Every structure is written in C-alpha cells, then in structure tokens.
Amino acid sequence: MSIANVGSLDRIVRIVLGAALILAPLLGFIAAASSTLGIVLMIAGAVLIGTGFISFCPIYRIIGASTRSNS
C-alpha cells in the first residue's frame, strides 16, 4: 500500500511554485526576504517543494483527496 497521494502534474506544479515562492523574496520581487511576508512565503515554498518531492500531502490525507492515478 502506497501512501503517495500527489500525482505527477501536481508534483511539478508544487515544485515550480515552491521554487518561485522561495526565489521571489530573495530576489526582491514580492517582499524582502527578511520581512514577515518574505519568511512566510519562503516557508510555504519549502513545504510545497517537500510535499512535491515525497509525493505526499498531509492535507490531502485529511480530506481524503488524491491527485495520483490508481493505474
């Protein structure tokens, strides 16, 4: 039994969006990296990248959702 509940397209979107959320404050596009907003965005980005790499989303588990195909 696999615990993975994040599909391929979902993984790609999570990793790309996560990287953008980390880079935006670092490059000064959204907020300064040292601001509260910048820190929150970078943490959210790290979580998205992490869940993308391990193919598991705890929120999906709680609500019983999955973007992974069962083929």
Protein backbone atom coordinates (compact mmCIF):
# COMPACT_ATOMS: atom_id res chain seq x y z
CA MET A 1 0.00 0.00 0.00
CA SER A 2 1.45 3.32 -1.09
CA ILE A 3 0.90 6.45 0.95
CA ALA A 4 1.62 8.72 -2.03
CA ASN A 5 -1.34 10.94 -2.86
CA VAL A 6 0.27 13.57 -5.12
CA GLY A 7 0.22 12.89 -8.86
CA SER A 8 2.83 13.77 -11.48
CA LEU A 9 1.36 17.06 -12.67
CA ASP A 10 0.63 18.10 -9.07
CA ARG A 11 4.28 17.35 -8.14
CA ILE A 12 5.61 19.51 -10.97
CA VAL A 13 3.30 22.40 -10.07
CA ARG A 14 4.25 22.16 -6.39
CA ILE A 15 7.99 22.15 -7.10
CA VAL A 16 7.85 25.04 -9.59
CA LEU A 17 5.51 27.14 -7.44
CA GLY A 18 7.55 26.35 -4.33
CA ALA A 19 10.75 27.46 -6.04
CA ALA A 20 9.05 30.68 -7.18
CA LEU A 21 7.82 31.39 -3.64
CA ILE A 22 11.34 30.96 -2.29
CA LEU A 23 13.07 32.96 -5.00
CA ALA A 24 10.61 35.88 -5.15
CA PRO A 25 11.52 37.31 -1.71
CA LEU A 26 15.20 36.51 -2.18
CA LEU A 27 15.26 38.47 -5.43
CA GLY A 28 13.06 41.26 -4.05
CA PHE A 29 10.07 40.69 -6.34
CA ILE A 30 7.38 40.36 -3.65
CA ALA A 31 8.81 41.33 -0.28
CA ALA A 32 12.18 41.49 1.38
CA ALA A 33 13.44 38.07 2.47
CA SER A 34 13.85 39.41 6.00
CA SER A 35 10.24 40.64 6.23
CA THR A 36 7.49 38.57 7.82
CA LEU A 37 5.76 38.12 4.46
CA GLY A 38 9.03 37.06 2.84
CA ILE A 39 9.68 34.47 5.54
CA VAL A 40 6.12 33.10 5.32
CA LEU A 41 6.40 32.81 1.53
CA MET A 42 9.73 31.01 1.75
CA ILE A 43 8.36 28.56 4.34
CA ALA A 44 5.30 27.91 2.16
CA GLY A 45 7.62 27.34 -0.80
CA ALA A 46 9.74 24.89 1.17
CA VAL A 47 6.62 22.95 2.21
CA LEU A 48 5.42 22.78 -1.40
CA ILE A 49 8.80 21.56 -2.61
CA GLY A 50 8.96 18.98 0.19
CA THR A 51 5.49 17.60 -0.49
CA GLY A 52 6.28 17.55 -4.20
CA PHE A 53 9.44 15.53 -3.73
CA ILE A 54 7.92 12.99 -1.34
CA SER A 55 4.60 12.79 -3.29
CA PHE A 56 2.59 13.08 -0.10
CA CYS A 57 0.33 15.90 1.09
CA PRO A 58 -0.98 15.66 4.67
CA ILE A 59 -3.93 17.94 3.86
CA TYR A 60 -4.97 15.62 1.03
CA ARG A 61 -4.86 12.73 3.52
CA ILE A 62 -7.08 14.62 6.00
CA ILE A 63 -9.72 15.46 3.39
CA GLY A 64 -9.43 12.12 1.59
CA ALA A 65 -8.23 13.62 -1.70
CA SER A 66 -5.61 12.39 -4.15
CA THR A 67 -4.27 13.62 -7.48
CA ARG A 68 -2.44 10.37 -8.11
CA SER A 69 -3.92 7.99 -10.69
CA ASN A 70 -4.58 4.46 -9.50
CA SER A 71 -3.39 2.69 -12.64
